[in-house]
Amino acid sequence: MSEVEVPHAEPEAAKFDRAIDALEQAAVASEGASVGKPLDLASREDFDAAVKLDPRAVRSRLDRVMMGFDPELGLDYLHHTGCLNAIFPEIEAMVGFGDGEWRHKDVWKHTKQVVLQAEPRLELRWGALMHDVGKIKTRTITPEGKVQFLGHAEVGARMFDKIERRLHLFGNEPSLQSTIRFLVLHHLRANQYEKTWTDSAVRRFARELGEHLDDLLCLARADITTKRPEKKRRGLSQIDELQLRITELALEDAKLPPLPTGVGDEIMRTFGLRPSRQIGDIKRALEDAIARGELEARQPNEVYVAWVAANAERFGILI
């Protein structure tokens, strides 16, 4: 009885090479070189092997796609060669999602344009690619036929977490990973600004966004893809106004002390305290609370007295 010949499994290195060749093709296309039509160079199995063997090599090619002169073309190469579906099926699901029965803009076309319009910084380009990924899972149609994507930013942030757990593309750069997630989660906030916002609301917005403020405003500008010139002008003007108000208020706050004159005297009278180091400690604690956003700056004395009363035990004050 003759032995049945069992085919040898293909080396993982061969699969890796095919996947990297396909990713390289997309990267070169994004960088503006002529590479011809996208070629079906690799399979899902090849890309799985590449991510497992060397996620950094995969990331480096994807970064080049993101940062290229023509990232839209690079992303199309990822789609047509099967890279996108193999590595990011959540993003592949956006292809063709829209422009159909419910007449809302095609999410994939919009996403590619946002990537192109975003400043060429890794955190912005990756944030742009991921910002609407949650729309696939959140689309609803009202009885009136209106399309809604309620909560898609929050869903998108959780999907980004799941993608990272699967691929480990950003594990060696926790700051970049957290920034991309922050942008996905908060990408709608700047476009919600209205002229009627109070100065306190603008300060709170800037404080909550913290170090990500500039990135988020840049992404908000890139997220305006309307083909109607007047609507685009209004949207960009709205974000510019918000940024100007943030800047002006920051300059104003830098010139003025956060606490009103006489708050120390009022605290001493209210709690029967004498001039001492304790009063200085209380005032510094009040300033810290203002910096953290727990209190508003330059409010009437009674606001700060009430806060001290609520924290009396902390300062050794008997009430």
Protein backbone atom coordinates (compact mmCIF):
# COMPACT_ATOMS: atom_id res chain seq x y z
CA MET A 1 0.00 0.00 0.00
CA SER A 2 1.58 3.26 -1.09
CA GLU A 3 2.05 6.06 1.38
CA VAL A 4 -0.03 9.20 0.90
CA GLU A 5 2.22 12.19 0.41
CA VAL A 6 1.37 15.02 2.81
CA PRO A 7 2.11 18.49 1.39
CA HIS A 8 4.55 20.54 3.44
CA ALA A 9 3.16 23.65 5.09
CA GLU A 10 4.40 26.82 3.46
CA PRO A 11 6.99 28.69 5.54
CA GLU A 12 5.62 31.67 7.44
CA ALA A 13 8.44 33.76 6.01
CA ALA A 14 7.03 33.34 2.49
CA LYS A 15 3.61 34.52 3.63
CA PHE A 16 5.24 37.46 5.40
CA ASP A 17 7.12 38.47 2.25
CA ARG A 18 3.97 38.47 0.11
CA ALA A 19 2.08 40.58 2.65
CA ILE A 20 4.91 43.08 2.96
CA ASP A 21 5.12 43.33 -0.85
CA ALA A 22 1.42 44.21 -0.99
CA LEU A 23 1.76 46.78 1.80
CA GLU A 24 4.83 48.23 0.10
CA GLN A 25 2.83 48.66 -3.09
CA ALA A 26 0.20 50.70 -1.22
CA ALA A 27 2.87 52.77 0.53
CA VAL A 28 4.63 53.59 -2.74
CA ALA A 29 1.31 54.56 -4.34
CA SER A 30 0.53 56.87 -1.42
CA GLU A 31 3.94 58.49 -1.75
CA GLY A 32 3.15 59.53 -5.32
CA ALA A 33 5.09 56.97 -7.34
CA SER A 34 3.52 55.22 -10.33
CA VAL A 35 2.99 51.55 -9.51
CA GLY A 36 0.29 50.62 -11.99
CA LYS A 37 -2.91 48.81 -11.11
CA PRO A 38 -3.24 47.24 -7.66
CA LEU A 39 -2.17 43.60 -7.75
CA ASP A 40 -3.68 40.79 -5.70
CA LEU A 41 -0.37 39.85 -4.12
CA ALA A 42 -1.34 38.27 -0.81
CA SER A 43 -4.08 36.43 1.05
CA ARG A 44 -5.66 36.98 4.45
CA GLU A 45 -3.46 34.18 5.75
CA ASP A 46 -0.39 36.08 4.52
CA PHE A 47 -1.40 39.26 6.33
CA ASP A 48 -2.21 37.33 9.49
CA ALA A 49 1.29 35.87 9.37
CA ALA A 50 2.88 39.26 8.80
CA VAL A 51 1.09 40.86 11.77
CA LYS A 52 2.12 37.97 14.01
CA LEU A 53 5.73 37.82 12.84
CA ASP A 54 6.56 41.53 12.73
CA PRO A 55 3.82 44.06 13.55
CA ARG A 56 6.42 46.86 13.37
CA ALA A 57 7.14 46.08 9.73
CA VAL A 58 3.42 46.18 9.01
CA ARG A 59 3.00 49.45 10.92
CA SER A 60 5.89 51.12 9.13
CA ARG A 61 4.25 50.50 5.71
CA LEU A 62 0.85 51.56 6.99
CA ASP A 63 2.40 54.74 8.41
CA ARG A 64 3.80 55.52 4.98
CA VAL A 65 0.32 55.10 3.50
CA MET A 66 -1.09 57.45 6.12
CA MET A 67 1.62 60.07 5.70
CA GLY A 68 1.92 59.94 1.93
CA PHE A 69 1.31 62.68 -0.60
CA ASP A 70 -1.80 60.85 -1.85
CA PRO A 71 -3.14 58.78 1.06
CA GLU A 72 -6.48 58.32 -0.73
CA LEU A 73 -4.74 56.35 -3.49
CA GLY A 74 -2.73 54.38 -0.93
CA LEU A 75 -5.90 53.47 0.95
CA ASP A 76 -7.54 52.37 -2.28
CA TYR A 77 -4.56 50.09 -2.92
CA LEU A 78 -5.02 48.60 0.55
CA HIS A 79 -8.65 47.94 -0.31
CA HIS A 80 -8.12 46.50 -3.79
CA THR A 81 -5.22 44.23 -2.78
CA GLY A 82 -7.18 42.78 0.14
CA CYS A 83 -4.90 44.33 2.77
CA LEU A 84 -7.66 46.42 4.26
CA ASN A 85 -10.10 43.54 4.65
CA ALA A 86 -7.40 41.26 6.06
CA ILE A 87 -5.94 43.69 8.59
CA PHE A 88 -8.81 46.09 9.29
CA PRO A 89 -12.15 44.43 8.48
CA GLU A 90 -13.81 47.11 10.62
CA ILE A 91 -12.55 49.77 8.20
CA GLU A 92 -13.26 47.64 5.12
CA ALA A 93 -16.90 47.61 6.27
CA MET A 94 -17.05 51.36 5.56
CA VAL A 95 -16.45 50.81 1.83
CA GLY A 96 -19.72 51.52 0.03
CA PHE A 97 -21.54 52.25 3.31
CA GLY A 98 -23.81 55.10 2.21
CA ASP A 99 -24.64 56.87 -1.05
CA GLY A 100 -27.44 54.37 -1.48
CA GLU A 101 -30.93 53.79 -0.26
CA TRP A 102 -30.73 56.16 2.71
CA ARG A 103 -28.87 58.94 0.90
CA HIS A 104 -26.16 59.68 3.43
CA LYS A 105 -22.60 60.34 2.36
CA ASP A 106 -20.40 57.34 1.64
CA VAL A 107 -18.43 56.82 4.86
CA TRP A 108 -15.37 55.41 3.07
CA LYS A 109 -15.13 58.28 0.59
CA HIS A 110 -15.57 60.75 3.45
CA THR A 111 -12.93 59.00 5.56
CA LYS A 112 -10.35 59.07 2.76
CA GLN A 113 -10.95 62.78 2.24
CA VAL A 114 -10.58 63.50 5.95
CA VAL A 115 -7.24 61.62 5.96
CA LEU A 116 -6.10 63.68 2.98
CA GLN A 117 -7.19 66.98 4.54
CA ALA A 118 -5.63 66.23 7.93
CA GLU A 119 -2.20 67.66 8.62
CA PRO A 120 0.49 65.03 7.94
CA ARG A 121 1.07 64.00 11.53
CA LEU A 122 0.70 60.36 12.51
CA GLU A 123 -1.79 60.94 15.32
CA LEU A 124 -4.01 63.06 13.06
CA ARG A 125 -3.89 60.79 10.04
CA TRP A 126 -4.61 57.64 12.08
CA GLY A 127 -7.31 59.49 14.02
CA ALA A 128 -8.86 60.56 10.71
CA LEU A 129 -8.83 56.96 9.44
CA MET A 130 -10.54 55.65 12.57
CA HIS A 131 -12.82 58.56 13.49
CA ASP A 132 -16.05 57.23 11.91
CA VAL A 133 -15.45 53.50 12.27
CA GLY A 134 -18.28 53.34 14.82
CA LYS A 135 -20.87 54.47 12.27
CA ILE A 136 -21.22 50.97 10.86
CA LYS A 137 -22.60 49.67 14.15
CA THR A 138 -24.73 52.68 15.08
CA ARG A 139 -26.73 53.64 11.98
CA THR A 140 -30.43 53.98 12.64
CA ILE A 141 -33.25 55.37 10.49
CA THR A 142 -36.01 57.45 12.09
CA PRO A 143 -39.63 57.01 11.01
CA GLU A 144 -39.16 60.24 9.03
CA GLY A 145 -36.27 58.69 7.12
CA LYS A 146 -33.50 60.63 8.88
CA VAL A 147 -30.18 58.80 9.22
CA GLN A 148 -28.59 58.87 12.68
CA PHE A 149 -25.32 57.56 14.13
CA LEU A 150 -25.98 58.11 17.82
CA GLY A 151 -22.99 57.28 20.03
CA HIS A 152 -20.72 56.39 17.10
CA ALA A 153 -17.73 58.20 18.66
CA GLU A 154 -17.94 56.14 21.84
CA VAL A 155 -18.49 52.91 19.89
CA GLY A 156 -15.58 53.83 17.61
CA ALA A 157 -13.23 54.30 20.57
CA ARG A 158 -14.13 50.85 21.88
CA MET A 159 -13.62 49.37 18.41
CA PHE A 160 -10.17 50.99 18.26
CA ASP A 161 -9.33 49.28 21.57
CA LYS A 162 -10.44 45.94 20.13
CA ILE A 163 -8.39 46.47 16.96
CA GLU A 164 -5.29 47.25 19.01
CA ARG A 165 -5.76 44.18 21.21
CA ARG A 166 -5.88 42.07 18.06
CA LEU A 167 -3.03 43.66 16.10
CA HIS A 168 -0.72 45.26 18.70
CA LEU A 169 0.28 47.94 16.18
CA PHE A 170 0.68 50.76 18.70
CA GLY A 171 1.77 48.85 21.80
CA ASN A 172 5.27 50.32 21.74
CA GLU A 173 3.93 53.87 21.49
CA PRO A 174 1.36 54.28 24.27
CA SER A 175 1.24 58.06 23.84
CA LEU A 176 0.33 57.75 20.15
CA GLN A 177 -2.19 55.03 20.94
CA SER A 178 -3.93 57.11 23.62
CA THR A 179 -3.97 60.20 21.38
CA ILE A 180 -5.61 58.33 18.50
CA ARG A 181 -8.22 56.91 20.85
CA PHE A 182 -8.87 60.35 22.34
CA LEU A 183 -9.39 61.84 18.88
CA VAL A 184 -11.82 59.09 17.89
CA LEU A 185 -13.77 59.51 21.13
CA HIS A 186 -13.97 63.32 21.02
CA HIS A 187 -13.87 64.13 17.30
CA LEU A 188 -17.37 65.63 17.29
CA ARG A 189 -16.90 68.08 20.13
CA ALA A 190 -15.33 71.06 18.36
CA ASN A 191 -18.00 71.02 15.67
CA GLN A 192 -20.65 71.35 18.40
CA TYR A 193 -19.37 74.84 19.31
CA GLU A 194 -21.84 77.74 19.05
CA LYS A 195 -21.40 81.48 19.51
CA THR A 196 -23.73 81.29 22.52
CA TRP A 197 -21.18 79.34 24.58
CA THR A 198 -20.23 81.26 27.70
CA ASP A 199 -16.61 82.02 28.51
CA SER A 200 -16.84 79.42 31.28
CA ALA A 201 -17.99 76.80 28.76
CA VAL A 202 -15.09 77.66 26.43
CA ARG A 203 -12.61 77.43 29.32
CA ARG A 204 -14.08 74.08 30.35
CA PHE A 205 -13.83 72.77 26.78
CA ALA A 206 -10.15 73.73 26.55
CA ARG A 207 -9.40 72.33 29.98
CA GLU A 208 -11.06 68.99 29.27
CA LEU A 209 -9.20 68.53 25.99
CA GLY A 210 -5.91 69.54 27.57
CA GLU A 211 -2.84 68.54 25.58
CA HIS A 212 -5.00 67.17 22.75
CA LEU A 213 -6.70 70.51 22.02
CA ASP A 214 -4.67 71.44 18.94
CA ASP A 215 -4.93 67.94 17.45
CA LEU A 216 -8.67 67.85 17.95
CA LEU A 217 -9.22 71.27 16.35
CA CYS A 218 -7.09 70.18 13.38
CA LEU A 219 -9.12 66.98 12.99
CA ALA A 220 -12.37 68.95 13.26
CA ARG A 221 -11.27 71.12 10.33
CA ALA A 222 -10.29 68.07 8.27
CA ASP A 223 -13.67 66.49 9.06
CA ILE A 224 -15.49 69.17 7.05
CA THR A 225 -15.85 67.56 3.61
CA THR A 226 -18.99 69.22 2.29
CA LYS A 227 -18.93 70.20 -1.39
CA ARG A 228 -20.96 73.32 -0.64
CA PRO A 229 -18.47 76.22 -0.37
CA GLU A 230 -20.59 78.39 1.94
CA LYS A 231 -21.28 75.53 4.35
CA LYS A 232 -17.59 74.67 4.43
CA ARG A 233 -16.67 78.32 5.05
CA ARG A 234 -19.12 78.51 7.96
CA GLY A 235 -17.80 75.31 9.49
CA LEU A 236 -14.15 76.40 9.31
CA SER A 237 -15.04 79.87 10.58
CA GLN A 238 -16.81 78.35 13.57
CA ILE A 239 -13.73 76.35 14.56
CA ASP A 240 -11.47 79.38 14.01
CA GLU A 241 -13.72 81.42 16.31
CA LEU A 242 -13.56 78.75 19.00
CA GLN A 243 -9.76 78.64 18.80
CA LEU A 244 -9.56 82.44 18.96
CA ARG A 245 -11.77 82.57 22.06
CA ILE A 246 -9.66 79.88 23.75
CA THR A 247 -6.50 81.85 23.02
CA GLU A 248 -7.93 85.17 24.20
CA LEU A 249 -9.29 83.69 27.42
CA ALA A 250 -5.96 81.97 28.13
CA LEU A 251 -4.17 85.33 27.74
CA GLU A 252 -6.73 87.02 29.98
CA ASP A 253 -6.42 84.33 32.63
CA ALA A 254 -2.64 84.64 32.56
CA LYS A 255 -2.90 88.32 33.46
CA LEU A 256 -5.51 88.04 36.21
CA PRO A 257 -5.21 86.13 39.50
CA PRO A 258 -7.65 83.22 39.78
CA LEU A 259 -8.90 84.27 43.24
CA PRO A 260 -10.62 87.59 44.00
CA THR A 261 -8.98 90.15 46.25
CA GLY A 262 -9.95 89.70 49.89
CA VAL A 263 -10.85 86.02 49.77
CA GLY A 264 -8.28 85.28 52.49
CA ASP A 265 -9.81 87.91 54.81
CA GLU A 266 -13.28 86.50 54.17
CA ILE A 267 -12.12 82.96 55.02
CA MET A 268 -10.55 84.19 58.29
CA ARG A 269 -13.74 86.06 59.29
CA THR A 270 -16.03 83.15 58.41
CA PHE A 271 -14.06 80.47 60.24
CA GLY A 272 -12.53 82.58 63.02
CA LEU A 273 -8.96 82.03 61.82
CA ARG A 274 -5.92 84.23 62.39
CA PRO A 275 -3.33 85.21 59.75
CA SER A 276 -1.06 82.18 59.38
CA ARG A 277 0.49 79.72 57.01
CA GLN A 278 -2.81 77.84 57.10
CA ILE A 279 -4.52 80.64 55.12
CA GLY A 280 -1.83 80.39 52.43
CA ASP A 281 -2.33 76.62 52.26
CA ILE A 282 -6.08 77.08 51.84
CA LYS A 283 -5.62 79.64 49.04
CA ARG A 284 -3.19 77.35 47.21
CA ALA A 285 -5.69 74.50 47.52
CA LEU A 286 -8.37 76.78 46.03
CA GLU A 287 -6.07 77.68 43.11
CA ASP A 288 -5.37 73.98 42.51
CA ALA A 289 -9.12 73.27 42.48
CA ILE A 290 -9.56 76.02 39.88
CA ALA A 291 -6.76 74.57 37.74
CA ARG A 292 -8.42 71.13 37.89
CA GLY A 293 -11.77 72.60 36.86
CA GLU A 294 -13.52 71.91 40.17
CA LEU A 295 -14.08 75.64 40.66
CA GLU A 296 -14.44 78.61 38.31
CA ALA A 297 -11.91 81.43 38.56
CA ARG A 298 -12.73 84.92 39.86
CA GLN A 299 -16.10 84.09 41.40
CA PRO A 300 -17.61 85.91 44.42
CA ASN A 301 -15.92 85.18 47.75
CA GLU A 302 -18.84 83.13 49.02
CA VAL A 303 -18.20 80.48 46.34
CA TYR A 304 -14.73 79.82 47.73
CA VAL A 305 -15.84 80.04 51.34
CA ALA A 306 -18.46 77.36 50.62
CA TRP A 307 -15.79 75.13 49.06
CA VAL A 308 -13.56 75.55 52.13
CA ALA A 309 -16.52 74.69 54.37
CA ALA A 310 -17.17 71.53 52.36
CA ASN A 311 -13.50 70.56 52.82
CA ALA A 312 -13.14 71.86 56.39
CA GLU A 313 -11.79 68.63 57.83
CA ARG A 314 -8.99 68.61 55.28
CA PHE A 315 -7.75 71.96 56.58
CA GLY A 316 -8.31 71.23 60.28
CA ILE A 317 -11.18 73.69 60.53
CA LEU A 318 -13.90 73.02 63.10
CA ILE A 319 -17.39 74.07 62.08
